[in-house]
Amino acid sequence: MTERVLPLVVRIERAAPPQRTDALEAAATAVVCLLDSAGSEGRWPQEVAEWQDGRIRKVVRRARGAEWRRALALPGITVAVRTAEVRVHPPVPLDDWPRDLARLQVSGTELTDEATPPEPGPEDVVLWINPGLEMTAGKAMAQAGHGAQFAWWGAGEADRAAWRERGFAVRVRTAGPARWDALAASGLPVVRDAGFTEIAPGSATVVADAPWLRVGVPEV
């Protein structure tokens, strides 16, 4: 079986970089859009199946100007969330990326938020970030994508249909320390990083929270 990785490309123009939370939410939604497209439309079935059978690795790269236009010309799905645009491409072999993606930079994703995002609602799909870890936006985007994938895997058909009607919208928020401890111990899905970049192997990075995941889970 071919080991594959999921490429995510975030558009970061010099004059107008996206807000950090917008980029994280766009990346998470893009992952779910790809999973849904593979199932409902049968797009890239072999690539997605081989990737999901492996380590579901995700790599985020940045693009601007002509780089972004070249990324748009390749097969994929573009998701826009407020100030952010992210394009997800079908999973590629770990050591055989398309040239126009391989040449993009991984570094340079140090994004910030100008304002504190609002508190999510009770019906939202929320990806809670560990407040004790320092991650670049690119790293956090990949982790949010993992969390969104966990939420997708845990959803039934009715849940997925309702989520689809909302455009697979997610909320990505950094939990306070006390909330994080409660979430991590609650029984909700927890993303643990493999430790390839930035943080130690096994670090808990994200807790996925959605109405359908809370069945039998104590209120946090």
Protein backbone atom coordinates (compact mmCIF):
# COMPACT_ATOMS: atom_id res chain seq x y z
CA MET A 1 0.00 0.00 0.00
CA THR A 2 1.26 3.48 -0.88
CA GLU A 3 1.84 5.73 2.13
CA ARG A 4 0.10 9.02 1.45
CA VAL A 5 -0.11 12.48 2.96
CA LEU A 6 -2.86 15.08 2.61
CA PRO A 7 -1.66 18.42 1.21
CA LEU A 8 -3.35 21.60 2.44
CA VAL A 9 -2.38 24.94 0.92
CA VAL A 10 -3.25 28.18 2.69
CA ARG A 11 -3.25 31.44 0.77
CA ILE A 12 -1.09 34.02 2.53
CA GLU A 13 -0.70 37.21 0.53
CA ARG A 14 1.85 39.69 1.87
CA ALA A 15 -0.58 42.59 2.01
CA ALA A 16 -3.55 40.70 3.43
CA PRO A 17 -2.72 37.56 5.43
CA PRO A 18 -5.70 35.68 6.88
CA GLN A 19 -6.67 35.68 10.52
CA ARG A 20 -5.32 32.66 12.37
CA THR A 21 -8.69 31.28 13.50
CA ASP A 22 -10.14 31.71 10.01
CA ALA A 23 -7.25 29.69 8.55
CA LEU A 24 -7.68 26.91 11.13
CA GLU A 25 -11.41 26.68 10.50
CA ALA A 26 -10.96 26.70 6.72
CA ALA A 27 -8.41 23.87 6.94
CA ALA A 28 -10.67 21.76 9.15
CA THR A 29 -13.68 22.31 6.88
CA ALA A 30 -11.59 21.51 3.80
CA VAL A 31 -10.61 18.13 5.23
CA VAL A 32 -14.26 17.22 5.84
CA CYS A 33 -15.25 18.44 2.37
CA LEU A 34 -12.66 16.11 0.87
CA LEU A 35 -13.89 13.15 2.94
CA ASP A 36 -17.48 13.87 1.98
CA SER A 37 -16.60 14.23 -1.68
CA ALA A 38 -14.78 10.90 -1.65
CA GLY A 39 -17.87 9.20 -0.24
CA SER A 40 -20.77 10.99 -1.90
CA GLU A 41 -19.20 11.72 -5.29
CA GLY A 42 -16.57 8.99 -5.45
CA ARG A 43 -13.72 11.44 -6.07
CA TRP A 44 -10.18 10.10 -5.62
CA PRO A 45 -11.39 6.85 -3.98
CA GLN A 46 -8.07 4.97 -4.07
CA GLU A 47 -6.02 7.92 -2.85
CA VAL A 48 -8.37 8.69 0.03
CA ALA A 49 -8.72 5.00 1.01
CA GLU A 50 -4.96 4.44 1.10
CA TRP A 51 -4.46 7.61 3.11
CA GLN A 52 -7.16 6.76 5.66
CA ASP A 53 -5.71 3.29 6.09
CA GLY A 54 -2.42 4.89 7.13
CA ARG A 55 -1.44 7.64 9.53
CA ILE A 56 -3.74 10.36 8.08
CA ARG A 57 -0.76 12.71 7.86
CA LYS A 58 -1.48 16.28 6.78
CA VAL A 59 1.04 18.86 5.64
CA VAL A 60 0.18 22.56 5.36
CA ARG A 61 2.07 24.77 2.91
CA ARG A 62 1.60 28.41 2.04
CA ALA A 63 1.16 30.09 -1.33
CA ARG A 64 0.67 33.56 -2.74
CA GLY A 65 0.23 35.13 -6.15
CA ALA A 66 1.27 32.81 -8.98
CA GLU A 67 1.94 29.99 -6.51
CA TRP A 68 -1.68 30.09 -5.41
CA ARG A 69 -2.92 30.16 -9.00
CA ARG A 70 -0.85 27.08 -9.81
CA ALA A 71 -2.31 25.30 -6.77
CA LEU A 72 -5.81 26.15 -8.00
CA ALA A 73 -5.00 24.50 -11.33
CA LEU A 74 -4.37 21.16 -9.64
CA PRO A 75 -7.19 18.79 -8.58
CA GLY A 76 -8.62 19.78 -5.23
CA ILE A 77 -11.28 21.65 -3.26
CA THR A 78 -11.04 25.26 -2.12
CA VAL A 79 -12.72 26.41 1.09
CA ALA A 80 -13.07 30.05 2.10
CA VAL A 81 -13.84 31.08 5.69
CA ARG A 82 -14.03 34.84 6.17
CA THR A 83 -10.46 36.10 5.57
CA ALA A 84 -8.95 32.68 4.78
CA GLU A 85 -8.72 30.49 1.70
CA VAL A 86 -7.43 26.93 1.93
CA ARG A 87 -7.18 24.38 -0.85
CA VAL A 88 -7.10 20.67 -0.05
CA HIS A 89 -5.69 18.30 -2.63
CA PRO A 90 -6.22 14.55 -2.92
CA PRO A 91 -3.69 12.57 -0.84
CA VAL A 92 -0.31 12.20 -2.56
CA PRO A 93 2.50 9.66 -2.07
CA LEU A 94 4.72 10.73 0.78
CA ASP A 95 7.79 10.95 -1.47
CA ASP A 96 6.14 11.96 -4.76
CA TRP A 97 4.36 15.31 -4.50
CA PRO A 98 3.23 17.21 -7.60
CA ARG A 99 5.96 19.72 -8.46
CA ASP A 100 3.78 22.80 -7.94
CA LEU A 101 2.95 21.64 -4.41
CA ALA A 102 6.39 20.32 -3.51
CA ARG A 103 7.99 23.69 -4.22
CA LEU A 104 5.73 25.52 -1.73
CA GLN A 105 7.12 26.51 1.66
CA VAL A 106 6.01 24.96 4.95
CA SER A 107 7.45 27.81 7.03
CA GLY A 108 5.97 31.28 7.21
CA THR A 109 2.56 30.49 8.68
CA GLU A 110 2.87 32.64 11.80
CA LEU A 111 -0.66 34.06 11.70
CA THR A 112 -2.48 35.98 14.44
CA ASP A 113 -6.02 37.07 15.33
CA GLU A 114 -6.89 40.73 15.63
CA ALA A 115 -9.79 39.97 17.99
CA THR A 116 -10.83 37.14 20.30
CA PRO A 117 -13.25 34.78 18.52
CA PRO A 118 -16.72 34.49 20.10
CA GLU A 119 -17.74 31.58 22.28
CA PRO A 120 -19.12 28.70 20.19
CA GLY A 121 -22.75 27.61 20.44
CA PRO A 122 -24.05 24.29 21.83
CA GLU A 123 -24.82 22.88 18.36
CA ASP A 124 -21.46 23.80 16.84
CA VAL A 125 -18.74 21.36 15.92
CA VAL A 126 -15.86 22.65 18.02
CA LEU A 127 -12.20 21.72 17.84
CA TRP A 128 -10.55 22.66 21.12
CA ILE A 129 -6.83 23.42 20.97
CA ASN A 130 -4.52 22.51 23.86
CA PRO A 131 -3.52 25.81 25.55
CA GLY A 132 -0.26 24.32 26.81
CA LEU A 133 1.29 23.84 23.36
CA GLU A 134 2.91 26.41 21.11
CA MET A 135 2.17 25.66 17.46
CA THR A 136 2.55 27.67 14.28
CA ALA A 137 -0.68 28.27 12.43
CA GLY A 138 0.35 25.66 9.86
CA LYS A 139 0.85 23.02 12.53
CA ALA A 140 -2.40 23.97 14.25
CA MET A 141 -4.23 23.80 10.91
CA ALA A 142 -3.09 20.21 10.45
CA GLN A 143 -4.17 19.33 13.99
CA ALA A 144 -7.56 20.96 13.50
CA GLY A 145 -7.89 18.90 10.34
CA HIS A 146 -7.25 15.74 12.37
CA GLY A 147 -9.91 16.79 14.87
CA ALA A 148 -12.44 17.46 12.12
CA GLN A 149 -11.70 14.03 10.67
CA PHE A 150 -12.38 12.42 14.05
CA ALA A 151 -15.71 14.27 14.21
CA TRP A 152 -16.56 13.02 10.70
CA TRP A 153 -15.69 9.44 11.57
CA GLY A 154 -17.91 9.62 14.64
CA ALA A 155 -20.94 11.01 12.79
CA GLY A 156 -23.86 8.96 11.50
CA GLU A 157 -25.49 9.63 8.14
CA ALA A 158 -28.11 11.96 9.62
CA ASP A 159 -25.43 13.87 11.50
CA ARG A 160 -23.34 14.19 8.35
CA ALA A 161 -26.34 15.37 6.36
CA ALA A 162 -27.11 18.09 8.90
CA TRP A 163 -23.46 19.10 9.01
CA ARG A 164 -23.34 19.19 5.21
CA GLU A 165 -26.28 21.62 5.18
CA ARG A 166 -24.18 23.94 7.32
CA GLY A 167 -21.30 23.75 4.87
CA PHE A 168 -19.33 21.55 7.30
CA ALA A 169 -18.72 24.63 9.41
CA VAL A 170 -16.50 24.19 12.46
CA ARG A 171 -15.31 26.39 15.27
CA VAL A 172 -11.70 26.22 16.39
CA ARG A 173 -10.97 27.62 19.82
CA THR A 174 -8.14 27.42 22.34
CA ALA A 175 -9.49 26.02 25.58
CA GLY A 176 -8.64 27.52 28.95
CA PRO A 177 -6.47 25.23 31.11
CA ALA A 178 -9.32 24.00 33.31
CA ARG A 179 -11.63 23.42 30.36
CA TRP A 180 -8.87 21.59 28.49
CA ASP A 181 -8.27 19.22 31.40
CA ALA A 182 -11.98 18.45 31.59
CA LEU A 183 -12.30 17.97 27.83
CA ALA A 184 -9.26 15.72 27.60
CA ALA A 185 -10.67 13.47 30.35
CA SER A 186 -14.27 13.52 29.11
CA GLY A 187 -14.18 10.67 26.61
CA LEU A 188 -14.41 12.92 23.54
CA PRO A 189 -11.97 12.12 20.71
CA VAL A 190 -8.44 13.39 21.39
CA VAL A 191 -5.85 14.01 18.68
CA ARG A 192 -2.35 12.88 19.62
CA ASP A 193 0.50 14.08 17.45
CA ALA A 194 3.03 11.70 15.94
CA GLY A 195 5.82 14.13 16.73
CA PHE A 196 7.24 14.67 13.24
CA THR A 197 7.44 18.46 13.72
CA GLU A 198 7.30 21.13 16.45
CA ILE A 199 5.94 19.14 19.40
CA ALA A 200 6.76 15.95 21.28
CA PRO A 201 5.34 12.60 20.09
CA GLY A 202 2.09 11.69 21.79
CA SER A 203 1.17 15.26 22.68
CA ALA A 204 -2.58 15.80 22.95
CA THR A 205 -3.28 18.67 20.57
CA VAL A 206 -7.03 18.85 19.91
CA VAL A 207 -10.28 17.56 21.40
CA ALA A 208 -13.13 17.14 18.91
CA ASP A 209 -16.54 18.13 20.24
CA ALA A 210 -19.86 17.79 18.38
CA PRO A 211 -23.44 17.05 19.44
CA TRP A 212 -23.21 13.45 18.18
CA LEU A 213 -19.93 12.88 20.00
CA ARG A 214 -21.36 13.92 23.36
CA VAL A 215 -23.71 10.94 23.72
CA GLY A 216 -22.74 9.29 26.99
CA VAL A 217 -20.05 11.92 27.66
CA PRO A 218 -20.30 13.94 30.89
CA GLU A 219 -21.08 17.63 30.38
CA VAL A 220 -17.92 19.71 30.30
